[in-house]
Amino acid sequence: MKNTLYYGDNLEVLRLHVQDDSVDLIYLDPPFKSDQDYNVLFAEHDGAKSAAQILAFEDTWEWNTGG
C-alpha cells in the first residue's frame, strides 16, 4: 500500500504488513523508549560545568486515548 503510516512496534509492523522488496526508506530517530529523562545541562560563563539543569524531555511511552 503506497503512502501508508503504520503505528506500532516497527519490527512487528515490518514483518506483518510490509513486503521485503517494497521499502524505499525507513527513518528512525533514536533513542526510543529508553525510559530516561534527558536534561539540558548548563555551563558557567567561563565554560566550567554547572549544577544547573532543566528537564528537556522524558523518553517514555504510554498509550493515550485522547484528552
N, C-alpha and C. Protein backbone atom coordinates (compact mmCIF):
# COMPACT_ATOMS: atom_id res chain seq x y z
N MET A 1 0.85 -1.17 0.00
CA MET A 1 0.00 0.00 0.00
C MET A 1 0.89 1.24 0.00
N LYS A 2 0.67 2.16 -0.91
CA LYS A 2 1.51 3.34 -1.06
C LYS A 2 1.12 4.43 -0.06
N ASN A 3 2.14 5.10 0.48
CA ASN A 3 1.94 6.24 1.39
C ASN A 3 1.06 5.88 2.58
N THR A 4 1.45 4.86 3.29
CA THR A 4 0.71 4.41 4.45
C THR A 4 1.56 4.61 5.70
N LEU A 5 0.95 5.12 6.75
CA LEU A 5 1.62 5.30 8.03
C LEU A 5 1.12 4.21 8.97
N TYR A 6 2.03 3.44 9.53
CA TYR A 6 1.69 2.39 10.49
C TYR A 6 2.06 2.86 11.88
N TYR A 7 1.28 2.48 12.86
CA TYR A 7 1.51 2.86 14.24
C TYR A 7 1.73 1.59 15.04
N GLY A 8 2.91 1.45 15.65
CA GLY A 8 3.19 0.27 16.45
C GLY A 8 4.67 -0.03 16.50
N ASP A 9 5.00 -1.18 17.01
CA ASP A 9 6.38 -1.63 17.09
C ASP A 9 6.91 -1.81 15.66
N ASN A 10 8.02 -1.13 15.34
CA ASN A 10 8.49 -1.12 13.96
C ASN A 10 8.82 -2.52 13.42
N LEU A 11 9.43 -3.38 14.20
CA LEU A 11 9.79 -4.70 13.72
C LEU A 11 8.54 -5.54 13.44
N GLU A 12 7.56 -5.47 14.32
CA GLU A 12 6.32 -6.21 14.13
C GLU A 12 5.56 -5.70 12.90
N VAL A 13 5.48 -4.38 12.74
CA VAL A 13 4.78 -3.81 11.59
C VAL A 13 5.48 -4.23 10.30
N LEU A 14 6.81 -4.15 10.26
CA LEU A 14 7.53 -4.55 9.05
C LEU A 14 7.30 -6.01 8.71
N ARG A 15 7.35 -6.87 9.71
CA ARG A 15 7.16 -8.30 9.44
C ARG A 15 5.75 -8.64 8.99
N LEU A 16 4.76 -7.97 9.55
CA LEU A 16 3.37 -8.32 9.26
C LEU A 16 2.75 -7.59 8.07
N HIS A 17 3.21 -6.37 7.80
CA HIS A 17 2.48 -5.54 6.86
C HIS A 17 3.28 -5.05 5.65
N VAL A 18 4.60 -5.24 5.65
CA VAL A 18 5.42 -4.66 4.59
C VAL A 18 6.23 -5.76 3.90
N GLN A 19 6.08 -5.84 2.58
CA GLN A 19 6.86 -6.82 1.82
C GLN A 19 8.33 -6.42 1.79
N ASP A 20 9.21 -7.40 1.81
CA ASP A 20 10.65 -7.15 1.87
C ASP A 20 11.15 -6.23 0.76
N ASP A 21 10.64 -6.39 -0.45
CA ASP A 21 11.16 -5.63 -1.58
C ASP A 21 10.41 -4.33 -1.85
N SER A 22 9.60 -3.87 -0.90
CA SER A 22 8.78 -2.69 -1.14
C SER A 22 9.22 -1.46 -0.36
N VAL A 23 10.26 -1.55 0.42
CA VAL A 23 10.67 -0.44 1.28
C VAL A 23 11.75 0.39 0.60
N ASP A 24 11.50 1.69 0.47
CA ASP A 24 12.49 2.61 -0.07
C ASP A 24 13.27 3.33 1.02
N LEU A 25 12.61 3.59 2.14
CA LEU A 25 13.25 4.35 3.20
C LEU A 25 12.60 4.02 4.54
N ILE A 26 13.44 3.84 5.55
CA ILE A 26 12.98 3.74 6.93
C ILE A 26 13.77 4.77 7.71
N TYR A 27 13.08 5.65 8.41
CA TYR A 27 13.74 6.69 9.18
C TYR A 27 13.47 6.46 10.66
N LEU A 28 14.52 6.36 11.44
CA LEU A 28 14.42 6.22 12.89
C LEU A 28 15.21 7.34 13.54
N ASP A 29 14.74 7.84 14.65
CA ASP A 29 15.42 8.90 15.36
C ASP A 29 15.58 8.47 16.81
N PRO A 30 16.50 7.53 17.05
CA PRO A 30 16.65 7.01 18.41
C PRO A 30 17.20 8.06 19.36
N PRO A 31 17.10 7.88 20.63
CA PRO A 31 16.60 6.70 21.31
C PRO A 31 15.08 6.72 21.41
N PHE A 32 14.51 5.54 21.42
CA PHE A 32 13.09 5.38 21.64
C PHE A 32 12.87 4.55 22.88
N LYS A 33 11.93 4.96 23.68
CA LYS A 33 11.54 4.25 24.90
C LYS A 33 12.73 3.81 25.74
N SER A 34 13.61 4.75 26.02
CA SER A 34 14.74 4.45 26.90
C SER A 34 14.32 4.53 28.36
N ASP A 35 13.09 5.02 28.62
CA ASP A 35 12.58 5.23 29.97
C ASP A 35 13.51 6.11 30.80
N GLN A 36 14.12 7.09 30.14
CA GLN A 36 15.03 8.01 30.79
C GLN A 36 14.50 9.43 30.67
N ASP A 37 14.90 10.28 31.57
CA ASP A 37 14.66 11.71 31.47
C ASP A 37 15.95 12.35 30.97
N TYR A 38 15.84 13.23 29.98
CA TYR A 38 17.01 13.89 29.43
C TYR A 38 16.98 15.36 29.82
N ASN A 39 18.10 15.86 30.28
CA ASN A 39 18.19 17.22 30.79
C ASN A 39 19.10 18.07 29.93
N VAL A 40 18.83 19.38 29.94
CA VAL A 40 19.74 20.36 29.36
C VAL A 40 20.68 20.75 30.48
N LEU A 41 21.97 20.57 30.26
CA LEU A 41 22.99 20.92 31.26
C LEU A 41 23.57 22.28 30.90
N PHE A 42 23.70 23.12 31.89
CA PHE A 42 24.22 24.46 31.66
C PHE A 42 25.67 24.54 32.08
N ALA A 43 26.37 25.55 31.57
CA ALA A 43 27.77 25.79 31.93
C ALA A 43 27.90 27.22 32.44
N GLU A 44 28.93 27.44 33.22
CA GLU A 44 29.23 28.79 33.70
C GLU A 44 29.78 29.61 32.55
N HIS A 45 29.87 30.92 32.73
CA HIS A 45 30.37 31.80 31.67
C HIS A 45 31.79 31.45 31.25
N ASP A 46 32.58 30.91 32.18
CA ASP A 46 33.96 30.55 31.85
C ASP A 46 34.07 29.15 31.25
N GLY A 47 32.94 28.48 31.02
CA GLY A 47 32.94 27.16 30.41
C GLY A 47 32.94 26.02 31.41
N ALA A 48 33.10 26.33 32.70
CA ALA A 48 33.11 25.28 33.72
C ALA A 48 31.71 24.66 33.84
N LYS A 49 31.68 23.40 34.23
CA LYS A 49 30.39 22.72 34.40
C LYS A 49 29.59 23.38 35.52
N SER A 50 28.29 23.37 35.36
CA SER A 50 27.39 23.94 36.35
C SER A 50 26.44 22.85 36.83
N ALA A 51 25.97 22.99 38.04
CA ALA A 51 24.98 22.04 38.58
C ALA A 51 23.59 22.35 38.03
N ALA A 52 23.43 23.50 37.36
CA ALA A 52 22.12 23.91 36.86
C ALA A 52 21.71 23.04 35.66
N GLN A 53 20.47 22.59 35.69
CA GLN A 53 19.93 21.83 34.57
C GLN A 53 18.41 21.89 34.62
N ILE A 54 17.80 21.66 33.46
CA ILE A 54 16.35 21.59 33.37
C ILE A 54 15.97 20.36 32.56
N LEU A 55 14.77 19.88 32.76
CA LEU A 55 14.28 18.72 32.02
C LEU A 55 14.04 19.13 30.57
N ALA A 56 14.66 18.41 29.65
CA ALA A 56 14.46 18.66 28.22
C ALA A 56 13.29 17.84 27.71
N PHE A 57 13.30 16.54 27.97
CA PHE A 57 12.17 15.69 27.60
C PHE A 57 12.25 14.37 28.33
N GLU A 58 11.11 13.71 28.43
CA GLU A 58 11.01 12.38 29.02
C GLU A 58 10.82 11.40 27.88
N ASP A 59 11.66 10.38 27.80
CA ASP A 59 11.55 9.39 26.74
C ASP A 59 10.82 8.17 27.27
N THR A 60 9.55 8.38 27.55
CA THR A 60 8.69 7.29 27.99
C THR A 60 7.48 7.26 27.07
N TRP A 61 6.90 6.12 26.92
CA TRP A 61 5.75 5.96 26.02
C TRP A 61 4.61 5.40 26.81
N GLU A 62 3.44 5.92 26.54
CA GLU A 62 2.24 5.38 27.16
C GLU A 62 1.10 5.47 26.15
N TRP A 63 0.18 4.56 26.23
CA TRP A 63 -0.98 4.57 25.34
C TRP A 63 -1.93 5.63 25.85
N ASN A 64 -2.20 6.60 25.03
CA ASN A 64 -3.07 7.70 25.42
C ASN A 64 -4.22 7.77 24.43
N THR A 65 -5.41 7.59 24.90
CA THR A 65 -6.58 7.56 24.02
C THR A 65 -7.22 8.90 23.83
N GLY A 66 -6.57 9.96 24.24
CA GLY A 66 -7.10 11.30 24.00
C GLY A 66 -7.12 12.13 25.26
N GLY A 67 -7.63 13.33 25.09
CA GLY A 67 -7.82 14.24 26.20
C GLY A 67 -6.60 14.81 26.67
